[in-house]
């Protein structure tokens, strides 16, 4: 079994209204000096294989087909 973490974030230049709202809320809560907040998604998965090459290929396919909107989002894959 292989454990993996996929992190999906918006590409640079894509507007992030949720990140802006979080940035404003942090300021309102007294956390000064926080800027350029970008929000994203994290997926923790367990794959029933011991083959890291196969796991990475499957994870990339999952990202391209479902987990990330590759037009506006980037993703990274980390195997544990």
N, C-alpha and C. Protein backbone atom coordinates (compact mmCIF):
# COMPACT_ATOMS: atom_id res chain seq x y z
N UNK A 1 0.85 -1.18 0.00
CA UNK A 1 0.00 0.00 0.00
C UNK A 1 0.90 1.25 0.00
N UNK A 2 0.51 2.21 -0.78
CA UNK A 2 1.24 3.48 -0.85
C UNK A 2 0.29 4.60 -0.43
N UNK A 3 0.78 5.46 0.45
CA UNK A 3 0.01 6.64 0.84
C UNK A 3 0.52 7.82 0.02
N UNK A 4 -0.41 8.68 -0.37
CA UNK A 4 -0.05 9.83 -1.19
C UNK A 4 -0.84 11.05 -0.74
N UNK A 5 -0.24 12.20 -0.99
CA UNK A 5 -0.92 13.48 -0.76
C UNK A 5 -0.86 14.28 -2.06
N UNK A 6 -2.04 14.72 -2.49
CA UNK A 6 -2.15 15.56 -3.67
C UNK A 6 -2.58 16.94 -3.20
N UNK A 7 -1.80 17.96 -3.56
CA UNK A 7 -2.12 19.33 -3.20
C UNK A 7 -2.48 20.08 -4.48
N UNK A 8 -3.64 20.70 -4.47
CA UNK A 8 -4.14 21.43 -5.63
C UNK A 8 -4.24 22.91 -5.27
N UNK A 9 -3.64 23.77 -6.08
CA UNK A 9 -3.69 25.21 -5.85
C UNK A 9 -4.01 25.92 -7.16
N UNK A 10 -4.52 27.13 -7.02
CA UNK A 10 -4.80 27.94 -8.21
C UNK A 10 -3.49 28.39 -8.85
N UNK A 11 -3.49 28.45 -10.16
CA UNK A 11 -2.32 28.94 -10.88
C UNK A 11 -2.14 30.43 -10.60
N UNK A 12 -0.89 30.90 -10.69
CA UNK A 12 -0.61 32.32 -10.55
C UNK A 12 -1.39 33.08 -11.61
N UNK A 13 -1.95 34.20 -11.22
CA UNK A 13 -2.71 35.01 -12.15
C UNK A 13 -4.20 34.73 -12.13
N UNK A 14 -4.61 33.61 -11.53
CA UNK A 14 -6.03 33.29 -11.42
C UNK A 14 -6.55 33.94 -10.14
N UNK A 15 -7.63 34.70 -10.28
CA UNK A 15 -8.21 35.37 -9.12
C UNK A 15 -8.67 34.35 -8.09
N UNK A 16 -8.45 34.68 -6.81
CA UNK A 16 -8.79 33.79 -5.70
C UNK A 16 -9.65 34.55 -4.69
N UNK A 17 -10.96 34.68 -4.96
CA UNK A 17 -11.81 35.45 -4.04
C UNK A 17 -11.87 34.84 -2.64
N UNK A 18 -11.81 33.53 -2.53
CA UNK A 18 -11.83 32.92 -1.20
C UNK A 18 -10.55 33.24 -0.43
N UNK A 19 -9.43 33.23 -1.12
CA UNK A 19 -8.17 33.62 -0.48
C UNK A 19 -8.20 35.06 -0.01
N UNK A 20 -8.79 35.95 -0.83
CA UNK A 20 -8.91 37.36 -0.44
C UNK A 20 -9.79 37.50 0.79
N UNK A 21 -10.89 36.73 0.85
CA UNK A 21 -11.79 36.78 2.00
C UNK A 21 -11.08 36.30 3.26
N UNK A 22 -10.29 35.24 3.14
CA UNK A 22 -9.52 34.73 4.28
C UNK A 22 -8.51 35.77 4.73
N UNK A 23 -7.84 36.39 3.78
CA UNK A 23 -6.86 37.44 4.09
C UNK A 23 -7.53 38.57 4.88
N UNK A 24 -8.71 39.01 4.43
CA UNK A 24 -9.44 40.07 5.13
C UNK A 24 -9.87 39.65 6.52
N UNK A 25 -10.34 38.41 6.65
CA UNK A 25 -10.79 37.90 7.95
C UNK A 25 -9.63 37.79 8.93
N UNK A 26 -8.47 37.37 8.45
CA UNK A 26 -7.30 37.29 9.33
C UNK A 26 -6.92 38.68 9.84
N UNK A 27 -6.98 39.68 8.96
CA UNK A 27 -6.70 41.05 9.37
C UNK A 27 -7.70 41.53 10.41
N UNK A 28 -8.98 41.20 10.20
CA UNK A 28 -10.02 41.61 11.15
C UNK A 28 -9.85 40.94 12.51
N UNK A 29 -9.23 39.76 12.52
CA UNK A 29 -8.99 39.05 13.77
C UNK A 29 -7.70 39.50 14.47
N UNK A 30 -7.03 40.47 13.87
CA UNK A 30 -5.83 41.02 14.49
C UNK A 30 -4.52 40.41 14.02
N UNK A 31 -4.57 39.57 13.00
CA UNK A 31 -3.35 38.98 12.45
C UNK A 31 -2.83 39.91 11.35
N UNK A 32 -2.06 40.90 11.78
CA UNK A 32 -1.53 41.89 10.84
C UNK A 32 -0.33 41.32 10.08
N UNK A 33 -0.09 41.88 8.94
CA UNK A 33 1.08 41.50 8.16
C UNK A 33 0.89 40.23 7.33
N UNK A 34 -0.33 39.75 7.20
CA UNK A 34 -0.60 38.57 6.36
C UNK A 34 -1.08 39.06 5.01
N UNK A 35 -0.46 38.61 3.96
CA UNK A 35 -0.86 39.04 2.64
C UNK A 35 -0.76 37.93 1.62
N UNK A 36 -1.40 38.13 0.50
CA UNK A 36 -1.35 37.21 -0.63
C UNK A 36 -1.77 35.79 -0.24
N UNK A 37 -2.91 35.67 0.44
CA UNK A 37 -3.42 34.36 0.84
C UNK A 37 -4.03 33.68 -0.39
N UNK A 38 -3.65 32.43 -0.61
CA UNK A 38 -4.21 31.61 -1.68
C UNK A 38 -4.74 30.33 -1.03
N UNK A 39 -5.93 29.95 -1.35
CA UNK A 39 -6.49 28.73 -0.78
C UNK A 39 -6.36 27.60 -1.79
N UNK A 40 -6.42 26.38 -1.29
CA UNK A 40 -6.31 25.22 -2.16
C UNK A 40 -7.01 24.02 -1.54
N UNK A 41 -6.70 22.85 -2.08
CA UNK A 41 -7.29 21.60 -1.62
C UNK A 41 -6.18 20.59 -1.39
N UNK A 42 -6.38 19.71 -0.41
CA UNK A 42 -5.45 18.62 -0.14
C UNK A 42 -6.24 17.32 -0.12
N UNK A 43 -5.71 16.32 -0.84
CA UNK A 43 -6.31 14.99 -0.88
C UNK A 43 -5.29 13.99 -0.35
N UNK A 44 -5.66 13.22 0.67
CA UNK A 44 -4.83 12.12 1.16
C UNK A 44 -5.46 10.83 0.66
N UNK A 45 -4.65 10.03 -0.03
CA UNK A 45 -5.15 8.80 -0.64
C UNK A 45 -4.28 7.62 -0.24
N UNK A 46 -4.87 6.43 -0.22
CA UNK A 46 -4.14 5.19 -0.05
C UNK A 46 -4.38 4.34 -1.29
N UNK A 47 -3.30 3.94 -1.94
CA UNK A 47 -3.40 3.13 -3.15
C UNK A 47 -2.96 1.70 -2.82
N UNK A 48 -3.72 0.74 -3.29
CA UNK A 48 -3.44 -0.67 -3.01
C UNK A 48 -2.43 -1.22 -4.01
N UNK A 49 -1.22 -0.68 -3.97
CA UNK A 49 -0.12 -1.14 -4.81
C UNK A 49 1.18 -0.83 -4.09
N UNK A 50 2.22 -1.56 -4.45
CA UNK A 50 3.55 -1.28 -3.91
C UNK A 50 4.44 -0.65 -4.98
N UNK A 51 3.91 -0.52 -6.18
CA UNK A 51 4.64 0.00 -7.33
C UNK A 51 4.52 1.53 -7.38
N UNK A 52 5.61 2.22 -7.02
CA UNK A 52 5.58 3.69 -6.96
C UNK A 52 5.36 4.31 -8.34
N UNK A 53 5.94 3.73 -9.37
CA UNK A 53 5.79 4.27 -10.72
C UNK A 53 4.32 4.18 -11.15
N UNK A 54 3.70 3.02 -10.89
CA UNK A 54 2.28 2.84 -11.22
C UNK A 54 1.42 3.80 -10.39
N UNK A 55 1.75 3.96 -9.12
CA UNK A 55 0.98 4.85 -8.24
C UNK A 55 1.04 6.28 -8.75
N UNK A 56 2.23 6.76 -9.10
CA UNK A 56 2.37 8.13 -9.60
C UNK A 56 1.59 8.33 -10.89
N UNK A 57 1.62 7.34 -11.77
CA UNK A 57 0.89 7.44 -13.03
C UNK A 57 -0.62 7.50 -12.77
N UNK A 58 -1.10 6.65 -11.85
CA UNK A 58 -2.53 6.66 -11.52
C UNK A 58 -2.94 7.98 -10.87
N UNK A 59 -2.10 8.49 -9.97
CA UNK A 59 -2.42 9.75 -9.30
C UNK A 59 -2.46 10.90 -10.30
N UNK A 60 -1.52 10.92 -11.23
CA UNK A 60 -1.52 11.97 -12.25
C UNK A 60 -2.81 11.89 -13.07
N UNK A 61 -3.20 10.67 -13.43
CA UNK A 61 -4.43 10.48 -14.19
C UNK A 61 -5.65 10.96 -13.39
N UNK A 62 -5.68 10.66 -12.09
CA UNK A 62 -6.77 11.11 -11.22
C UNK A 62 -6.85 12.63 -11.20
N UNK A 63 -5.68 13.27 -11.10
CA UNK A 63 -5.64 14.74 -11.07
C UNK A 63 -6.14 15.33 -12.38
N UNK A 64 -5.67 14.76 -13.48
CA UNK A 64 -6.04 15.28 -14.80
C UNK A 64 -7.53 15.09 -15.09
N UNK A 65 -8.13 14.02 -14.54
CA UNK A 65 -9.53 13.71 -14.85
C UNK A 65 -10.53 14.23 -13.82
N UNK A 66 -10.10 14.40 -12.54
CA UNK A 66 -11.08 14.73 -11.52
C UNK A 66 -10.60 15.70 -10.45
N UNK A 67 -9.45 15.44 -9.87
CA UNK A 67 -9.06 16.18 -8.66
C UNK A 67 -8.70 17.64 -8.91
N UNK A 68 -8.19 17.95 -10.10
CA UNK A 68 -7.77 19.32 -10.40
C UNK A 68 -8.38 19.78 -11.73
N UNK A 69 -8.73 21.04 -11.78
CA UNK A 69 -9.13 21.67 -13.04
C UNK A 69 -7.85 22.26 -13.62
N UNK A 70 -7.20 21.52 -14.50
CA UNK A 70 -5.87 21.90 -14.95
C UNK A 70 -5.83 23.17 -15.78
N UNK A 71 -6.98 23.70 -16.14
CA UNK A 71 -7.01 24.99 -16.84
C UNK A 71 -6.61 26.11 -15.88
N UNK A 72 -7.07 26.01 -14.63
CA UNK A 72 -6.81 27.09 -13.65
C UNK A 72 -6.06 26.62 -12.41
N UNK A 73 -5.79 25.31 -12.29
CA UNK A 73 -5.14 24.81 -11.08
C UNK A 73 -3.88 24.00 -11.40
N UNK A 74 -2.93 24.07 -10.48
CA UNK A 74 -1.74 23.23 -10.49
C UNK A 74 -1.92 22.16 -9.43
N UNK A 75 -1.19 21.07 -9.56
CA UNK A 75 -1.21 20.06 -8.51
C UNK A 75 0.19 19.49 -8.30
N UNK A 76 0.43 19.04 -7.08
CA UNK A 76 1.66 18.33 -6.75
C UNK A 76 1.28 17.01 -6.10
N UNK A 77 2.13 16.02 -6.31
CA UNK A 77 1.91 14.69 -5.77
C UNK A 77 3.11 14.34 -4.90
N UNK A 78 2.83 13.90 -3.68
CA UNK A 78 3.89 13.45 -2.76
C UNK A 78 3.54 12.05 -2.27
N UNK A 79 4.45 11.13 -2.45
CA UNK A 79 4.27 9.76 -1.96
C UNK A 79 4.93 9.63 -0.60
N UNK A 80 4.25 8.90 0.30
CA UNK A 80 4.81 8.69 1.65
C UNK A 80 5.46 7.34 1.72
